[in-house]
N, C-alpha and C. Protein backbone atom coordinates (compact mmCIF):
# COMPACT_ATOMS: atom_id res chain seq x y z
N MET A 1 -113.85 -76.51 -17.47
CA MET A 1 -114.74 -77.06 -18.47
C MET A 1 -115.78 -77.92 -17.76
N ALA A 2 -117.03 -77.69 -18.01
CA ALA A 2 -118.10 -78.45 -17.38
C ALA A 2 -118.28 -79.79 -18.08
N TYR A 3 -118.78 -80.75 -17.34
CA TYR A 3 -119.04 -82.08 -17.89
C TYR A 3 -120.17 -81.99 -18.90
N MET A 4 -119.97 -82.59 -20.06
CA MET A 4 -121.00 -82.63 -21.09
C MET A 4 -121.34 -84.08 -21.38
N LYS A 5 -122.60 -84.37 -21.52
CA LYS A 5 -123.04 -85.73 -21.82
C LYS A 5 -122.52 -86.12 -23.20
N ASP A 6 -122.02 -87.36 -23.30
CA ASP A 6 -121.53 -87.87 -24.58
C ASP A 6 -122.66 -87.94 -25.59
N THR A 7 -122.38 -87.52 -26.78
CA THR A 7 -123.38 -87.63 -27.83
C THR A 7 -123.29 -89.01 -28.45
N ALA A 8 -124.34 -89.43 -29.10
CA ALA A 8 -124.35 -90.76 -29.73
C ALA A 8 -123.27 -90.82 -30.80
N ARG A 9 -122.64 -91.96 -30.90
CA ARG A 9 -121.62 -92.17 -31.93
C ARG A 9 -122.31 -92.37 -33.27
N ASN A 10 -121.91 -91.62 -34.24
CA ASN A 10 -122.49 -91.69 -35.56
C ASN A 10 -121.38 -91.97 -36.56
N GLU A 11 -121.53 -93.03 -37.35
CA GLU A 11 -120.47 -93.39 -38.30
C GLU A 11 -120.15 -92.26 -39.27
N ASP A 12 -121.14 -91.44 -39.59
CA ASP A 12 -120.90 -90.32 -40.51
C ASP A 12 -119.98 -89.27 -39.90
N ASP A 13 -119.92 -89.22 -38.57
CA ASP A 13 -119.11 -88.22 -37.87
C ASP A 13 -117.71 -88.72 -37.54
N LEU A 14 -117.39 -89.99 -37.86
CA LEU A 14 -116.09 -90.54 -37.50
C LEU A 14 -114.99 -89.89 -38.31
N THR A 15 -113.91 -89.57 -37.62
CA THR A 15 -112.74 -89.04 -38.30
C THR A 15 -111.68 -90.14 -38.35
N ALA A 16 -111.05 -90.28 -39.49
CA ALA A 16 -110.01 -91.28 -39.64
C ALA A 16 -108.79 -90.85 -38.83
N PHE A 17 -108.07 -91.83 -38.29
CA PHE A 17 -106.83 -91.50 -37.59
C PHE A 17 -105.83 -92.63 -37.75
N ARG A 18 -104.55 -92.28 -37.65
CA ARG A 18 -103.47 -93.25 -37.76
C ARG A 18 -103.13 -93.76 -36.36
N LEU A 19 -102.71 -94.99 -36.29
CA LEU A 19 -102.29 -95.57 -35.01
C LEU A 19 -100.81 -95.25 -34.81
N THR A 20 -100.54 -94.06 -34.32
CA THR A 20 -99.18 -93.58 -34.11
C THR A 20 -98.59 -94.21 -32.83
N GLU A 21 -97.32 -93.99 -32.59
CA GLU A 21 -96.69 -94.50 -31.38
C GLU A 21 -97.34 -93.91 -30.13
N GLN A 22 -97.70 -92.62 -30.19
CA GLN A 22 -98.35 -91.99 -29.04
C GLN A 22 -99.71 -92.63 -28.78
N ARG A 23 -100.46 -92.92 -29.83
CA ARG A 23 -101.77 -93.57 -29.66
C ARG A 23 -101.61 -95.00 -29.18
N LYS A 24 -100.58 -95.68 -29.63
CA LYS A 24 -100.31 -97.03 -29.11
C LYS A 24 -100.01 -96.94 -27.62
N GLY A 25 -99.28 -95.89 -27.22
CA GLY A 25 -98.99 -95.68 -25.81
C GLY A 25 -100.25 -95.49 -24.99
N ILE A 26 -101.20 -94.76 -25.54
CA ILE A 26 -102.48 -94.56 -24.84
C ILE A 26 -103.18 -95.90 -24.66
N LEU A 27 -103.21 -96.72 -25.70
CA LEU A 27 -103.87 -98.03 -25.59
C LEU A 27 -103.17 -98.93 -24.57
N LYS A 28 -101.85 -98.90 -24.55
CA LYS A 28 -101.11 -99.70 -23.56
C LYS A 28 -101.41 -99.22 -22.14
N PHE A 29 -101.46 -97.91 -21.98
CA PHE A 29 -101.76 -97.32 -20.68
C PHE A 29 -103.16 -97.72 -20.22
N LEU A 30 -104.12 -97.68 -21.14
CA LEU A 30 -105.49 -98.09 -20.82
C LEU A 30 -105.58 -99.58 -20.51
N HIS A 31 -104.78 -100.37 -21.21
CA HIS A 31 -104.79 -101.81 -20.97
C HIS A 31 -104.26 -102.14 -19.57
N ARG A 32 -103.26 -101.38 -19.15
CA ARG A 32 -102.63 -101.64 -17.85
C ARG A 32 -103.50 -101.18 -16.68
N TYR A 33 -104.16 -100.04 -16.83
CA TYR A 33 -104.97 -99.47 -15.75
C TYR A 33 -106.42 -99.37 -16.22
N SER A 34 -107.33 -99.84 -15.41
CA SER A 34 -108.74 -99.90 -15.82
C SER A 34 -109.43 -98.54 -15.88
N TYR A 35 -109.19 -97.69 -14.90
CA TYR A 35 -109.87 -96.41 -14.82
C TYR A 35 -108.84 -95.29 -14.75
N LEU A 36 -108.91 -94.38 -15.70
CA LEU A 36 -107.94 -93.29 -15.75
C LEU A 36 -108.65 -91.96 -16.00
N ARG A 37 -108.12 -90.92 -15.41
CA ARG A 37 -108.60 -89.57 -15.66
C ARG A 37 -107.80 -88.97 -16.81
N THR A 38 -108.38 -87.96 -17.41
CA THR A 38 -107.66 -87.25 -18.46
C THR A 38 -106.34 -86.70 -17.93
N SER A 39 -106.33 -86.24 -16.69
CA SER A 39 -105.11 -85.67 -16.11
C SER A 39 -103.99 -86.71 -16.01
N HIS A 40 -104.33 -87.98 -15.86
CA HIS A 40 -103.30 -89.03 -15.84
C HIS A 40 -102.58 -89.10 -17.19
N PHE A 41 -103.34 -88.95 -18.27
CA PHE A 41 -102.72 -88.97 -19.59
C PHE A 41 -101.83 -87.75 -19.79
N TYR A 42 -102.23 -86.60 -19.25
CA TYR A 42 -101.39 -85.40 -19.35
C TYR A 42 -100.03 -85.66 -18.72
N GLU A 43 -100.04 -86.27 -17.54
CA GLU A 43 -98.79 -86.52 -16.83
C GLU A 43 -97.91 -87.52 -17.56
N VAL A 44 -98.49 -88.61 -18.01
CA VAL A 44 -97.70 -89.67 -18.66
C VAL A 44 -97.11 -89.20 -19.99
N PHE A 45 -97.88 -88.41 -20.74
CA PHE A 45 -97.42 -87.98 -22.05
C PHE A 45 -96.82 -86.58 -22.06
N GLY A 46 -96.58 -86.02 -20.88
CA GLY A 46 -95.90 -84.74 -20.78
C GLY A 46 -96.67 -83.59 -21.41
N ALA A 47 -97.98 -83.62 -21.28
CA ALA A 47 -98.82 -82.55 -21.84
C ALA A 47 -98.98 -81.45 -20.79
N PHE A 48 -98.16 -80.42 -20.90
CA PHE A 48 -98.16 -79.36 -19.91
C PHE A 48 -98.72 -78.05 -20.45
N THR A 49 -98.76 -77.89 -21.77
CA THR A 49 -99.33 -76.67 -22.35
C THR A 49 -100.76 -76.96 -22.79
N GLU A 50 -101.53 -75.91 -23.00
CA GLU A 50 -102.92 -76.10 -23.45
C GLU A 50 -102.97 -76.81 -24.80
N GLY A 51 -102.02 -76.53 -25.67
CA GLY A 51 -101.99 -77.18 -26.99
C GLY A 51 -101.75 -78.68 -26.90
N THR A 52 -100.81 -79.10 -26.05
CA THR A 52 -100.55 -80.54 -25.93
C THR A 52 -101.67 -81.24 -25.17
N LYS A 53 -102.28 -80.55 -24.22
CA LYS A 53 -103.43 -81.13 -23.51
C LYS A 53 -104.59 -81.32 -24.49
N ARG A 54 -104.80 -80.36 -25.35
CA ARG A 54 -105.86 -80.46 -26.35
C ARG A 54 -105.61 -81.64 -27.28
N SER A 55 -104.36 -81.86 -27.64
CA SER A 55 -103.99 -82.99 -28.50
C SER A 55 -104.32 -84.33 -27.83
N VAL A 56 -104.00 -84.45 -26.55
CA VAL A 56 -104.31 -85.67 -25.80
C VAL A 56 -105.82 -85.87 -25.72
N ARG A 57 -106.56 -84.81 -25.43
CA ARG A 57 -108.03 -84.93 -25.36
C ARG A 57 -108.60 -85.33 -26.71
N ARG A 58 -108.05 -84.82 -27.79
CA ARG A 58 -108.51 -85.16 -29.14
C ARG A 58 -108.29 -86.65 -29.41
N MET A 59 -107.12 -87.16 -29.03
CA MET A 59 -106.85 -88.58 -29.24
C MET A 59 -107.80 -89.44 -28.43
N LEU A 60 -108.04 -89.07 -27.18
CA LEU A 60 -108.97 -89.83 -26.34
C LEU A 60 -110.37 -89.77 -26.92
N HIS A 61 -110.77 -88.62 -27.41
CA HIS A 61 -112.08 -88.49 -28.04
C HIS A 61 -112.18 -89.39 -29.28
N ASP A 62 -111.14 -89.42 -30.10
CA ASP A 62 -111.13 -90.28 -31.28
C ASP A 62 -111.29 -91.75 -30.90
N PHE A 63 -110.57 -92.19 -29.88
CA PHE A 63 -110.71 -93.58 -29.43
C PHE A 63 -112.12 -93.86 -28.94
N TRP A 64 -112.70 -92.91 -28.20
CA TRP A 64 -114.07 -93.09 -27.73
C TRP A 64 -115.04 -93.14 -28.91
N GLN A 65 -114.86 -92.21 -29.84
CA GLN A 65 -115.76 -92.12 -30.98
C GLN A 65 -115.74 -93.40 -31.81
N HIS A 66 -114.59 -94.04 -31.91
CA HIS A 66 -114.47 -95.28 -32.69
C HIS A 66 -114.82 -96.52 -31.87
N GLY A 67 -115.17 -96.33 -30.59
CA GLY A 67 -115.61 -97.45 -29.77
C GLY A 67 -114.50 -98.23 -29.09
N TYR A 68 -113.28 -97.68 -29.06
CA TYR A 68 -112.16 -98.37 -28.42
C TYR A 68 -112.16 -98.20 -26.90
N LEU A 69 -112.88 -97.21 -26.41
CA LEU A 69 -112.97 -97.01 -24.96
C LEU A 69 -114.29 -96.38 -24.61
N GLU A 70 -114.60 -96.41 -23.34
CA GLU A 70 -115.79 -95.77 -22.80
C GLU A 70 -115.34 -94.65 -21.89
N ARG A 71 -116.20 -93.70 -21.68
CA ARG A 71 -115.88 -92.63 -20.74
C ARG A 71 -117.11 -92.33 -19.90
N GLU A 72 -116.85 -92.04 -18.64
CA GLU A 72 -117.91 -91.80 -17.68
C GLU A 72 -117.46 -90.69 -16.74
N PRO A 73 -118.42 -89.97 -16.16
CA PRO A 73 -118.02 -88.94 -15.20
C PRO A 73 -117.57 -89.58 -13.88
N ILE A 74 -116.62 -88.96 -13.23
CA ILE A 74 -116.19 -89.37 -11.90
C ILE A 74 -116.93 -88.49 -10.91
N ILE A 75 -117.49 -89.11 -9.91
CA ILE A 75 -118.19 -88.32 -8.89
C ILE A 75 -117.19 -87.98 -7.80
N GLU A 76 -116.94 -86.70 -7.65
CA GLU A 76 -116.07 -86.20 -6.59
C GLU A 76 -116.88 -85.24 -5.74
N TYR A 77 -117.15 -85.65 -4.54
CA TYR A 77 -117.94 -84.82 -3.65
C TYR A 77 -117.19 -83.54 -3.33
N GLY A 78 -117.90 -82.43 -3.40
CA GLY A 78 -117.30 -81.14 -3.12
C GLY A 78 -116.69 -80.48 -4.34
N SER A 79 -116.71 -81.15 -5.49
CA SER A 79 -116.15 -80.58 -6.71
C SER A 79 -117.27 -80.03 -7.59
N GLN A 80 -117.01 -78.92 -8.25
CA GLN A 80 -117.99 -78.31 -9.14
C GLN A 80 -118.03 -78.99 -10.51
N VAL A 81 -116.93 -79.68 -10.87
CA VAL A 81 -116.79 -80.27 -12.19
C VAL A 81 -116.66 -81.77 -12.07
N ALA A 82 -117.29 -82.51 -12.97
CA ALA A 82 -117.18 -83.96 -13.00
C ALA A 82 -116.21 -84.34 -14.10
N PRO A 83 -114.93 -84.59 -13.77
CA PRO A 83 -113.98 -84.96 -14.82
C PRO A 83 -114.32 -86.32 -15.42
N LEU A 84 -113.88 -86.56 -16.63
CA LEU A 84 -114.13 -87.84 -17.29
C LEU A 84 -113.09 -88.86 -16.88
N ARG A 85 -113.52 -90.11 -16.80
CA ARG A 85 -112.57 -91.21 -16.63
C ARG A 85 -112.74 -92.10 -17.85
N TYR A 86 -111.68 -92.74 -18.23
CA TYR A 86 -111.69 -93.61 -19.40
C TYR A 86 -111.53 -95.04 -18.94
N VAL A 87 -112.34 -95.92 -19.50
CA VAL A 87 -112.32 -97.35 -19.12
C VAL A 87 -112.21 -98.19 -20.37
């Protein structure tokens, strides 16, 4: 998946979400570590299938969309793709 520039947050586009135990875990993980890759969340939450990885990405996107976190590309020299990091 290629890096895509974040679109502006629009209140009309916000999706409601519940603060589940898994989402609380994401917030705790973010609080403990300042910069994390999406792959770190896959490992911590046991997301090994495409479906569970998609679920983790959706939760991270929801947090970003609501302004709970920021995301930026990581520059990795020699890599074709710029993965996102969450801060």
